[in-house]
Amino acid sequence: MPTSLQSVLKSVLAGLVLAAAVAMPALADGLKHDIAPTGKLRVAIAISAAGGAFWSTKTEAGYAGVPVDLGREMAAQLGVPVEYVVHQNSGQITDAAGNGTLEKGAWDVTWLPKDPERETRMMFGPIYEVADATYIVKAGSSVTNFAALDQVGIKVAAVNATTTMRGAAAHLKNAKVTGYQTYDEIFGLLSSGEIDAFALSRDQLNKMAQKIPGTRVLDETFKKTVTAVAVPLGHSQALAFVTRFMTEATTNGTLRKAYDNNGLKDSPIRTE
């Protein structure tokens, strides 16, 4: 190869290396500005005793839950502190998706149930949980299937503005579906017999049945609830990052560890 051509190629290669060296910090800074504009990764979580791969709980040390663990690991990868933004349910998290950067309740990333209505308000990455939604009926109820449940005068509760509530309202044509802000409120109503049934995922209702003697979880399923990572609209770099993060977390054991640390050792990871 002629010396002059070698020199040209070396110059081009050196230029590319220099451009990459300059671009990498710029890309990193651009990502951090897109996903953590306040300098912290604000992770939206919903607090409840319901358990499962979506809900989190308040502890003496702070918070616990699958989203809590995933948010902490994501912040560590980004090299920024994590801040948990607490809401009562996924409907409130959805409502806060459009908040301005400095508005109360604003968040940068979350993990929550996905449906077409929410896809208009935030951008979703990979699914990490698929759950069967059904109903638990109060102690002493004669209801044993969906047909018996879907009758005029039957009162069914759901956590307000959630994918499960929308699914139950579409499924039941005669029974009345009412939304409540918290799981704990509905737990109390079911315990006292003030409502006839509660719509939620089967795994969570099975645990509830153990705490309220005489209640029964129906065998049928009315919808599949899928839970995924999400970021607010317009944050394409953030979406690309969280998509890669969750894809890797599913294969490298990070997600499995988050499940195991939060009482879900016997729960398989269902991504579809």
Protein backbone atom coordinates (compact mmCIF):
# COMPACT_ATOMS: atom_id res chain seq x y z
CA MET A 1 0.00 0.00 0.00
CA PRO A 2 1.46 3.38 -0.95
CA THR A 3 2.72 5.47 1.94
CA SER A 4 0.44 8.39 1.04
CA LEU A 5 -2.66 6.17 1.13
CA GLN A 6 -1.59 4.71 4.46
CA SER A 7 -1.24 8.21 5.84
CA VAL A 8 -4.70 9.17 4.61
CA LEU A 9 -6.26 6.05 6.14
CA LYS A 10 -4.49 6.65 9.43
CA SER A 11 -5.73 10.22 9.47
CA VAL A 12 -9.32 9.11 8.75
CA LEU A 13 -9.14 6.43 11.44
CA ALA A 14 -7.74 8.86 13.96
CA GLY A 15 -10.53 11.29 13.11
CA LEU A 16 -13.17 8.63 13.64
CA VAL A 17 -11.68 7.62 16.99
CA LEU A 18 -11.58 11.26 18.10
CA ALA A 19 -15.18 11.83 16.95
CA ALA A 20 -16.32 8.75 18.86
CA ALA A 21 -14.45 9.88 21.97
CA VAL A 22 -16.19 13.26 21.79
CA ALA A 23 -19.59 11.79 20.94
CA MET A 24 -19.74 9.18 23.72
CA PRO A 25 -19.83 11.69 26.63
CA ALA A 26 -22.27 13.80 24.64
CA LEU A 27 -24.56 10.80 24.14
CA ALA A 28 -24.25 9.91 27.83
CA ASP A 29 -25.08 13.47 28.85
CA GLY A 30 -28.00 13.52 26.41
CA LEU A 31 -29.40 10.30 27.85
CA LYS A 32 -29.11 11.54 31.43
CA HIS A 33 -30.86 14.78 30.50
CA ASP A 34 -33.63 12.81 28.78
CA ILE A 35 -34.20 10.17 31.47
CA ALA A 36 -33.15 12.08 34.61
CA PRO A 37 -33.57 15.81 33.92
CA THR A 38 -33.45 16.74 37.62
CA GLY A 39 -30.19 14.86 38.20
CA LYS A 40 -32.05 12.02 39.93
CA LEU A 41 -33.90 9.04 38.47
CA ARG A 42 -37.47 9.54 39.72
CA VAL A 43 -39.15 6.13 39.89
CA ALA A 44 -42.94 6.12 40.26
CA ILE A 45 -44.23 3.38 42.56
CA ALA A 46 -47.65 2.47 43.94
CA ILE A 47 -47.90 1.48 47.60
CA SER A 48 -50.11 -1.42 48.69
CA ALA A 49 -50.09 -4.63 50.67
CA ALA A 50 -51.37 -6.46 47.59
CA GLY A 51 -47.91 -7.75 46.67
CA GLY A 52 -46.98 -9.02 43.23
CA ALA A 53 -44.56 -7.67 40.64
CA PHE A 54 -46.19 -4.22 40.37
CA TRP A 55 -47.03 -3.03 43.88
CA SER A 56 -44.45 -1.78 46.40
CA THR A 57 -44.59 -1.45 50.18
CA LYS A 58 -43.36 1.08 52.76
CA THR A 59 -40.69 -0.29 55.09
CA GLU A 60 -38.69 1.08 58.01
CA ALA A 61 -35.74 1.50 55.67
CA GLY A 62 -37.74 3.09 52.85
CA TYR A 63 -39.55 1.07 50.20
CA ALA A 64 -39.55 -2.52 48.94
CA GLY A 65 -40.85 -4.10 45.76
CA VAL A 66 -39.83 -5.30 42.31
CA PRO A 67 -40.03 -1.75 40.84
CA VAL A 68 -38.00 -0.47 43.80
CA ASP A 69 -35.17 -2.93 43.13
CA LEU A 70 -35.24 -2.37 39.37
CA GLY A 71 -35.26 1.40 39.80
CA ARG A 72 -32.26 1.26 42.15
CA GLU A 73 -30.29 -0.87 39.68
CA MET A 74 -31.25 1.37 36.74
CA ALA A 75 -30.11 4.48 38.59
CA ALA A 76 -26.82 2.79 39.43
CA GLN A 77 -26.22 2.03 35.77
CA LEU A 78 -26.92 5.66 34.88
CA GLY A 79 -24.69 6.92 37.68
CA VAL A 80 -27.39 9.05 39.31
CA PRO A 81 -29.25 8.88 42.65
CA VAL A 82 -32.68 7.24 42.75
CA GLU A 83 -35.79 8.97 44.12
CA TYR A 84 -39.08 7.14 44.61
CA VAL A 85 -42.26 9.04 43.75
CA VAL A 86 -45.11 7.49 45.70
CA HIS A 87 -48.65 7.11 44.39
CA GLN A 88 -51.68 5.17 45.61
CA ASN A 89 -52.30 3.22 42.41
CA SER A 90 -51.35 2.88 38.76
CA GLY A 91 -54.13 5.27 37.72
CA GLN A 92 -52.46 8.07 39.67
CA ILE A 93 -49.09 7.21 38.10
CA THR A 94 -50.74 7.44 34.68
CA ASP A 95 -52.29 10.81 35.49
CA ALA A 96 -48.87 12.14 36.52
CA ALA A 97 -47.23 11.03 33.26
CA GLY A 98 -48.02 14.40 31.68
CA ASN A 99 -46.79 16.49 34.60
CA GLY A 100 -44.05 19.01 33.94
CA THR A 101 -40.53 18.20 35.11
CA LEU A 102 -40.86 20.13 38.36
CA GLU A 103 -44.55 19.41 39.08
CA LYS A 104 -45.55 17.34 42.09
CA GLY A 105 -45.80 13.64 41.26
CA ALA A 106 -43.71 13.89 38.08
CA TRP A 107 -41.63 10.82 37.30
CA ASP A 108 -38.99 9.58 34.84
CA VAL A 109 -39.58 5.83 34.73
CA THR A 110 -42.10 3.38 36.12
CA TRP A 111 -43.27 -0.20 35.89
CA LEU A 112 -47.03 -0.64 35.61
CA PRO A 113 -49.86 -2.53 33.86
CA LYS A 114 -50.22 -1.64 30.18
CA ASP A 115 -53.33 -1.21 28.04
CA PRO A 116 -54.33 0.77 24.92
CA GLU A 117 -55.55 3.77 26.95
CA ARG A 118 -52.20 4.10 28.70
CA GLU A 119 -50.27 3.74 25.46
CA THR A 120 -51.67 7.14 24.48
CA ARG A 121 -50.17 8.72 27.59
CA MET A 122 -46.74 7.11 27.94
CA MET A 123 -44.28 4.92 26.02
CA PHE A 124 -43.81 1.29 27.01
CA GLY A 125 -40.80 -1.00 26.83
CA PRO A 126 -40.67 -4.78 27.37
CA ILE A 127 -43.34 -6.66 29.31
CA TYR A 128 -42.00 -8.40 32.41
CA GLU A 129 -45.19 -9.88 33.92
CA VAL A 130 -48.39 -11.42 32.58
CA ALA A 131 -51.13 -12.07 35.15
CA ASP A 132 -54.64 -13.52 35.01
CA ALA A 133 -57.35 -11.14 36.24
CA THR A 134 -60.42 -12.54 37.98
CA TYR A 135 -62.68 -11.84 40.97
CA ILE A 136 -62.80 -12.74 44.63
CA VAL A 137 -66.28 -12.93 46.19
CA LYS A 138 -67.19 -12.15 49.79
CA ALA A 139 -67.63 -14.74 52.52
CA GLY A 140 -71.00 -16.46 52.33
CA SER A 141 -71.57 -15.57 48.68
CA SER A 142 -73.36 -18.13 46.49
CA VAL A 143 -71.51 -16.86 43.41
CA THR A 144 -69.29 -19.54 41.87
CA ASN A 145 -68.77 -18.29 38.29
CA PHE A 146 -68.90 -15.20 36.10
CA ALA A 147 -72.49 -15.74 34.99
CA ALA A 148 -73.71 -15.72 38.59
CA LEU A 149 -71.59 -12.66 39.36
CA ASP A 150 -72.85 -10.57 36.46
CA GLN A 151 -76.28 -9.78 37.87
CA VAL A 152 -78.10 -6.53 38.58
CA GLY A 153 -77.48 -5.44 42.17
CA ILE A 154 -74.06 -7.07 42.47
CA LYS A 155 -71.36 -4.62 43.64
CA VAL A 156 -67.87 -5.20 42.29
CA ALA A 157 -64.88 -3.14 43.41
CA ALA A 158 -61.64 -2.39 41.56
CA VAL A 159 -58.69 -0.08 42.15
CA ASN A 160 -59.70 3.18 40.44
CA ALA A 161 -58.61 4.04 36.88
CA THR A 162 -56.58 0.85 36.47
CA THR A 163 -56.37 -1.56 33.55
CA THR A 164 -58.18 -4.14 35.69
CA MET A 165 -61.03 -1.75 36.43
CA ARG A 166 -61.44 -0.98 32.72
CA GLY A 167 -61.34 -4.68 31.95
CA ALA A 168 -63.96 -5.52 34.60
CA ALA A 169 -66.26 -2.71 33.44
CA ALA A 170 -66.08 -4.04 29.88
CA HIS A 171 -66.57 -7.63 30.99
CA LEU A 172 -69.54 -7.21 33.31
CA LYS A 173 -72.74 -6.06 31.61
CA ASN A 174 -75.11 -6.03 34.61
CA ALA A 175 -73.09 -5.91 37.84
CA LYS A 176 -71.90 -2.46 38.93
CA VAL A 177 -68.13 -1.84 38.96
CA THR A 178 -66.95 0.93 41.30
CA GLY A 179 -63.41 2.28 41.59
CA TYR A 180 -61.68 2.93 44.92
CA GLN A 181 -58.33 4.62 45.46
CA THR A 182 -56.55 1.93 47.46
CA TYR A 183 -56.30 -1.81 47.85
CA ASP A 184 -56.56 -1.42 51.62
CA GLU A 185 -59.91 0.35 51.33
CA ILE A 186 -61.32 -2.45 49.18
CA PHE A 187 -59.87 -5.09 51.52
CA GLY A 188 -61.88 -3.54 54.35
CA LEU A 189 -65.08 -3.40 52.30
CA LEU A 190 -64.75 -7.04 51.28
CA SER A 191 -63.98 -8.10 54.85
CA SER A 192 -67.13 -6.39 56.13
CA GLY A 193 -69.27 -7.70 53.29
CA GLU A 194 -70.12 -4.22 51.98
CA ILE A 195 -69.12 -5.25 48.44
CA ASP A 196 -69.80 -8.52 46.68
CA ALA A 197 -66.55 -8.94 44.78
CA PHE A 198 -63.15 -7.45 43.98
CA ALA A 199 -61.40 -7.57 40.60
CA LEU A 200 -57.62 -8.03 40.64
CA SER A 201 -54.94 -10.50 39.53
CA ARG A 202 -55.39 -14.11 40.59
CA ASP A 203 -52.13 -14.37 42.52
CA GLN A 204 -52.97 -11.31 44.63
CA LEU A 205 -56.53 -12.49 45.23
CA ASN A 206 -55.33 -15.93 46.32
CA LYS A 207 -53.24 -14.22 49.01
CA MET A 208 -56.23 -12.07 50.00
CA ALA A 209 -58.41 -15.18 50.35
CA GLN A 210 -55.98 -16.52 52.94
CA LYS A 211 -56.49 -13.37 55.01
CA ILE A 212 -60.30 -13.16 54.76
CA PRO A 213 -61.87 -16.50 55.76
CA GLY A 214 -64.81 -17.67 53.64
CA THR A 215 -63.94 -15.65 50.53
CA ARG A 216 -63.57 -17.45 47.21
CA VAL A 217 -61.49 -16.72 44.11
CA LEU A 218 -63.40 -17.59 40.94
CA ASP A 219 -61.78 -20.09 38.54
CA GLU A 220 -62.41 -18.16 35.33
CA THR A 221 -60.20 -15.39 33.90
CA PHE A 222 -61.64 -12.24 32.30
CA LYS A 223 -58.40 -10.66 31.04
CA LYS A 224 -54.64 -10.98 30.87
CA THR A 225 -52.90 -8.08 32.61
CA VAL A 226 -49.46 -7.27 31.22
CA THR A 227 -47.00 -5.16 33.20
CA ALA A 228 -44.12 -3.32 31.56
CA VAL A 229 -41.53 -0.59 31.99
CA ALA A 230 -42.64 2.86 30.81
CA VAL A 231 -41.39 6.42 30.34
CA PRO A 232 -43.30 9.66 29.61
CA LEU A 233 -44.11 10.56 26.02
CA GLY A 234 -41.40 12.24 23.96
CA HIS A 235 -38.41 10.63 25.68
CA SER A 236 -37.01 8.41 22.94
CA GLN A 237 -33.50 8.08 24.38
CA ALA A 238 -34.98 7.09 27.73
CA LEU A 239 -37.20 4.48 26.05
CA ALA A 240 -34.23 2.96 24.21
CA PHE A 241 -32.28 2.77 27.47
CA VAL A 242 -35.05 1.20 29.58
CA THR A 243 -35.79 -1.28 26.78
CA ARG A 244 -32.18 -2.41 26.76
CA PHE A 245 -32.09 -2.45 30.57
CA MET A 246 -35.16 -4.71 30.86
CA THR A 247 -34.01 -7.01 28.06
CA GLU A 248 -30.72 -7.52 29.86
CA ALA A 249 -32.37 -7.75 33.31
CA THR A 250 -34.53 -10.63 32.08
CA THR A 251 -31.51 -12.63 30.90
CA ASN A 252 -28.78 -11.70 33.39
CA GLY A 253 -30.70 -12.53 36.57
CA THR A 254 -31.47 -8.98 37.73
CA LEU A 255 -35.23 -9.41 37.32
CA ARG A 256 -35.21 -12.88 38.89
CA LYS A 257 -33.32 -11.48 41.87
CA ALA A 258 -35.88 -8.65 42.24
CA TYR A 259 -38.68 -11.24 42.27
CA ASP A 260 -36.90 -13.43 44.81
CA ASN A 261 -36.12 -10.49 47.10
CA ASN A 262 -39.80 -9.54 47.24
CA GLY A 263 -41.55 -12.79 48.11
CA LEU A 264 -41.96 -14.05 44.55
CA LYS A 265 -39.51 -16.95 44.51
CA ASP A 266 -42.24 -19.32 43.32
CA SER A 267 -43.50 -16.94 40.63
CA PRO A 268 -42.27 -17.54 37.09
CA ILE A 269 -41.24 -14.57 34.98
CA ARG A 270 -43.83 -14.30 32.19
CA THR A 271 -42.96 -11.92 29.37
CA GLU A 272 -45.72 -12.92 26.92
